[in-house]
Amino acid sequence: QVPVVESGGGLVPAGGSLRLSCVASVRTFSYYAMGWFRQTPGKEREFVSAISGGGASKSIAESVRGRFSISRDNTKYTVYLQMNSLKPEDTAIYYCAAAWRGLTTMRDQYDYWGQGTQVTVSS
């Protein structure tokens, strides 16, 4: 098992910013593509963004394009999700996940998941 732990969620006004962090405590961290998903009650877990092991390739959902960005620091075993211009509809539990097979937007292809961190955007 690969421990995956998210942090950085909280309450923020509309238009504000948050940076989520995700630490995956594994020696082979750089071999894993990392992704962010989010989920609200009554909806399936939705892809947000992903980044390849070395950081050269990225994927971003259309719903957050231009506002969110993903990055990683393999020396710290950490992936980040910078969220700017937040909207109330961004409110969700945000999950970090690791995929051994490489960059993917499909939740079925991720091997390890964190417990999630709550992001609430007030109107």
C-alpha atoms as a PDB file:
ATOM      1  CA  GLN A   1       0.000   0.000   0.000  1.00  0.00           C
ATOM      2  CA  VAL A   2       1.062   3.543  -0.777  1.00  0.00           C
ATOM      3  CA  PRO A   3      -0.073   6.101   1.796  1.00  0.00           C
ATOM      4  CA  VAL A   4      -1.618   9.165   0.169  1.00  0.00           C
ATOM      5  CA  VAL A   5      -2.538  12.144   2.330  1.00  0.00           C
ATOM      6  CA  GLU A   6      -4.186  15.366   1.173  1.00  0.00           C
ATOM      7  CA  SER A   7      -4.195  18.663   3.008  1.00  0.00           C
ATOM      8  CA  GLY A   8      -4.930  22.330   2.437  1.00  0.00           C
ATOM      9  CA  GLY A   9      -8.687  22.321   2.143  1.00  0.00           C
ATOM     10  CA  GLY A  10     -10.855  24.820   3.909  1.00  0.00           C
ATOM     11  CA  LEU A  11     -13.415  27.574   3.589  1.00  0.00           C
ATOM     12  CA  VAL A  12     -12.706  30.351   1.114  1.00  0.00           C
ATOM     13  CA  PRO A  13     -14.799  33.164  -0.392  1.00  0.00           C
ATOM     14  CA  ALA A  14     -15.752  33.089  -4.049  1.00  0.00           C
ATOM     15  CA  GLY A  15     -12.902  34.483  -6.101  1.00  0.00           C
ATOM     16  CA  GLY A  16     -10.323  33.355  -3.598  1.00  0.00           C
ATOM     17  CA  SER A  17      -7.532  30.826  -3.830  1.00  0.00           C
ATOM     18  CA  LEU A  18      -6.384  27.664  -2.125  1.00  0.00           C
ATOM     19  CA  ARG A  19      -3.457  25.342  -2.640  1.00  0.00           C
ATOM     20  CA  LEU A  20      -3.981  21.681  -1.924  1.00  0.00           C
ATOM     21  CA  SER A  21      -1.065  19.405  -1.161  1.00  0.00           C
ATOM     22  CA  CYS A  22      -0.787  15.656  -1.422  1.00  0.00           C
ATOM     23  CA  VAL A  23       2.033  13.593   0.012  1.00  0.00           C
ATOM     24  CA  ALA A  24       2.596  10.033  -1.183  1.00  0.00           C
ATOM     25  CA  SER A  25       5.092   8.371   1.098  1.00  0.00           C
ATOM     26  CA  VAL A  26       6.753   5.951  -1.293  1.00  0.00           C
ATOM     27  CA  ARG A  27      10.330   5.708  -2.549  1.00  0.00           C
ATOM     28  CA  THR A  28       9.145   5.307  -6.155  1.00  0.00           C
ATOM     29  CA  PHE A  29       6.974   8.437  -6.064  1.00  0.00           C
ATOM     30  CA  SER A  30       8.443   9.811  -9.289  1.00  0.00           C
ATOM     31  CA  TYR A  31       7.210   6.763 -11.216  1.00  0.00           C
ATOM     32  CA  TYR A  32       3.591   7.464 -10.356  1.00  0.00           C
ATOM     33  CA  ALA A  33       1.341   9.760 -12.272  1.00  0.00           C
ATOM     34  CA  MET A  34      -0.699  11.745  -9.785  1.00  0.00           C
ATOM     35  CA  GLY A  35      -4.227  13.000 -10.131  1.00  0.00           C
ATOM     36  CA  TRP A  36      -6.803  15.116  -8.397  1.00  0.00           C
ATOM     37  CA  PHE A  37     -10.502  14.260  -8.351  1.00  0.00           C
ATOM     38  CA  ARG A  38     -13.441  15.826  -6.598  1.00  0.00           C
ATOM     39  CA  GLN A  39     -16.821  14.620  -5.442  1.00  0.00           C
ATOM     40  CA  THR A  40     -20.043  16.214  -4.239  1.00  0.00           C
ATOM     41  CA  PRO A  41     -23.087  14.437  -2.771  1.00  0.00           C
ATOM     42  CA  GLY A  42     -25.099  12.543  -5.367  1.00  0.00           C
ATOM     43  CA  LYS A  43     -22.444  12.770  -8.064  1.00  0.00           C
ATOM     44  CA  GLU A  44     -19.680  10.485  -9.258  1.00  0.00           C
ATOM     45  CA  ARG A  45     -16.104  11.320  -8.494  1.00  0.00           C
ATOM     46  CA  GLU A  46     -15.005  13.811 -11.138  1.00  0.00           C
ATOM     47  CA  PHE A  47     -11.590  14.198 -12.708  1.00  0.00           C
ATOM     48  CA  VAL A  48      -9.922  17.531 -12.060  1.00  0.00           C
ATOM     49  CA  SER A  49      -6.279  17.323 -13.097  1.00  0.00           C
ATOM     50  CA  ALA A  50      -3.340  14.949 -13.436  1.00  0.00           C
ATOM     51  CA  ILE A  51       0.408  15.087 -13.906  1.00  0.00           C
ATOM     52  CA  SER A  52       2.935  12.555 -15.140  1.00  0.00           C
ATOM     53  CA  GLY A  53       5.662  11.155 -12.931  1.00  0.00           C
ATOM     54  CA  GLY A  54       8.315  13.566 -14.141  1.00  0.00           C
ATOM     55  CA  GLY A  55       5.915  16.485 -14.440  1.00  0.00           C
ATOM     56  CA  ALA A  56       6.323  16.938 -18.190  1.00  0.00           C
ATOM     57  CA  SER A  57       2.752  16.012 -19.106  1.00  0.00           C
ATOM     58  CA  LYS A  58      -0.426  17.377 -17.585  1.00  0.00           C
ATOM     59  CA  SER A  59      -4.150  17.037 -18.031  1.00  0.00           C
ATOM     60  CA  ILE A  60      -6.834  19.447 -16.857  1.00  0.00           C
ATOM     61  CA  ALA A  61     -10.609  19.232 -16.814  1.00  0.00           C
ATOM     62  CA  GLU A  62     -12.455  21.797 -18.906  1.00  0.00           C
ATOM     63  CA  SER A  63     -14.468  22.890 -15.883  1.00  0.00           C
ATOM     64  CA  VAL A  64     -11.364  24.217 -14.129  1.00  0.00           C
ATOM     65  CA  ARG A  65      -9.109  25.074 -17.051  1.00  0.00           C
ATOM     66  CA  GLY A  66      -7.557  28.493 -16.683  1.00  0.00           C
ATOM     67  CA  ARG A  67      -8.211  28.575 -12.951  1.00  0.00           C
ATOM     68  CA  PHE A  68      -6.510  25.482 -11.532  1.00  0.00           C
ATOM     69  CA  SER A  69      -2.992  24.231 -12.092  1.00  0.00           C
ATOM     70  CA  ILE A  70      -1.166  21.097 -11.039  1.00  0.00           C
ATOM     71  CA  SER A  71       2.485  20.672 -10.152  1.00  0.00           C
ATOM     72  CA  ARG A  72       4.729  18.309  -8.243  1.00  0.00           C
ATOM     73  CA  ASP A  73       7.952  18.284  -6.304  1.00  0.00           C
ATOM     74  CA  ASN A  74       9.396  14.807  -6.341  1.00  0.00           C
ATOM     75  CA  THR A  75      12.060  15.694  -3.800  1.00  0.00           C
ATOM     76  CA  LYS A  76       9.231  16.266  -1.326  1.00  0.00           C
ATOM     77  CA  TYR A  77       7.035  13.390  -2.534  1.00  0.00           C
ATOM     78  CA  THR A  78       4.310  15.979  -3.038  1.00  0.00           C
ATOM     79  CA  VAL A  79       1.824  17.020  -5.691  1.00  0.00           C
ATOM     80  CA  TYR A  80      -0.021  20.339  -5.550  1.00  0.00           C
ATOM     81  CA  LEU A  81      -3.265  21.708  -6.884  1.00  0.00           C
ATOM     82  CA  GLN A  82      -3.329  25.485  -7.056  1.00  0.00           C
ATOM     83  CA  MET A  83      -6.920  26.693  -7.221  1.00  0.00           C
ATOM     84  CA  ASN A  84      -7.593  30.293  -8.184  1.00  0.00           C
ATOM     85  CA  SER A  85     -10.765  32.240  -8.928  1.00  0.00           C
ATOM     86  CA  LEU A  86     -12.750  29.739  -6.933  1.00  0.00           C
ATOM     87  CA  LYS A  87     -16.474  29.426  -7.488  1.00  0.00           C
ATOM     88  CA  PRO A  88     -19.183  27.970  -5.241  1.00  0.00           C
ATOM     89  CA  GLU A  89     -19.547  25.092  -7.693  1.00  0.00           C
ATOM     90  CA  ASP A  90     -15.968  24.091  -6.896  1.00  0.00           C
ATOM     91  CA  THR A  91     -17.155  23.050  -3.450  1.00  0.00           C
ATOM     92  CA  ALA A  92     -16.379  19.356  -3.038  1.00  0.00           C
ATOM     93  CA  ILE A  93     -14.221  16.821  -1.330  1.00  0.00           C
ATOM     94  CA  TYR A  94     -10.956  16.746  -3.244  1.00  0.00           C
ATOM     95  CA  TYR A  95      -9.092  13.465  -3.531  1.00  0.00           C
ATOM     96  CA  CYS A  96      -5.523  12.790  -4.520  1.00  0.00           C
ATOM     97  CA  ALA A  97      -4.609   9.538  -6.248  1.00  0.00           C
ATOM     98  CA  ALA A  98      -1.564   7.725  -7.634  1.00  0.00           C
ATOM     99  CA  ALA A  99      -1.446   5.724 -10.875  1.00  0.00           C
ATOM    100  CA  TRP A 100       1.413   3.332 -11.622  1.00  0.00           C
ATOM    101  CA  ARG A 101       0.425   2.913 -15.273  1.00  0.00           C
ATOM    102  CA  GLY A 102       0.922   6.565 -16.148  1.00  0.00           C
ATOM    103  CA  LEU A 103      -1.023   9.721 -16.853  1.00  0.00           C
ATOM    104  CA  THR A 104      -4.751   9.076 -16.980  1.00  0.00           C
ATOM    105  CA  THR A 105      -8.035  10.871 -16.396  1.00  0.00           C
ATOM    106  CA  MET A 106      -9.938   7.706 -15.498  1.00  0.00           C
ATOM    107  CA  ARG A 107     -10.512   7.010 -11.831  1.00  0.00           C
ATOM    108  CA  ASP A 108     -10.522   3.234 -12.425  1.00  0.00           C
ATOM    109  CA  GLN A 109      -6.878   3.412 -13.446  1.00  0.00           C
ATOM    110  CA  TYR A 110      -5.631   4.901 -10.198  1.00  0.00           C
ATOM    111  CA  ASP A 111      -4.146   2.499  -7.707  1.00  0.00           C
ATOM    112  CA  TYR A 112      -4.002   4.439  -4.461  1.00  0.00           C
ATOM    113  CA  TRP A 113      -6.255   7.107  -3.016  1.00  0.00           C
ATOM    114  CA  GLY A 114      -6.167   9.569  -0.198  1.00  0.00           C
ATOM    115  CA  GLN A 115      -9.003  10.194   2.225  1.00  0.00           C
ATOM    116  CA  GLY A 116      -9.913  13.559   0.746  1.00  0.00           C
ATOM    117  CA  THR A 117      -9.893  17.142   1.913  1.00  0.00           C
ATOM    118  CA  GLN A 118     -12.951  19.375   2.010  1.00  0.00           C
ATOM    119  CA  VAL A 119     -13.003  22.557  -0.046  1.00  0.00           C
ATOM    120  CA  THR A 120     -15.916  24.902   0.541  1.00  0.00           C
ATOM    121  CA  VAL A 121     -16.353  28.073  -1.492  1.00  0.00           C
ATOM    122  CA  SER A 122     -18.849  30.532  -0.080  1.00  0.00           C
ATOM    123  CA  SER A 123     -20.910  32.821  -2.280  1.00  0.00           C
END
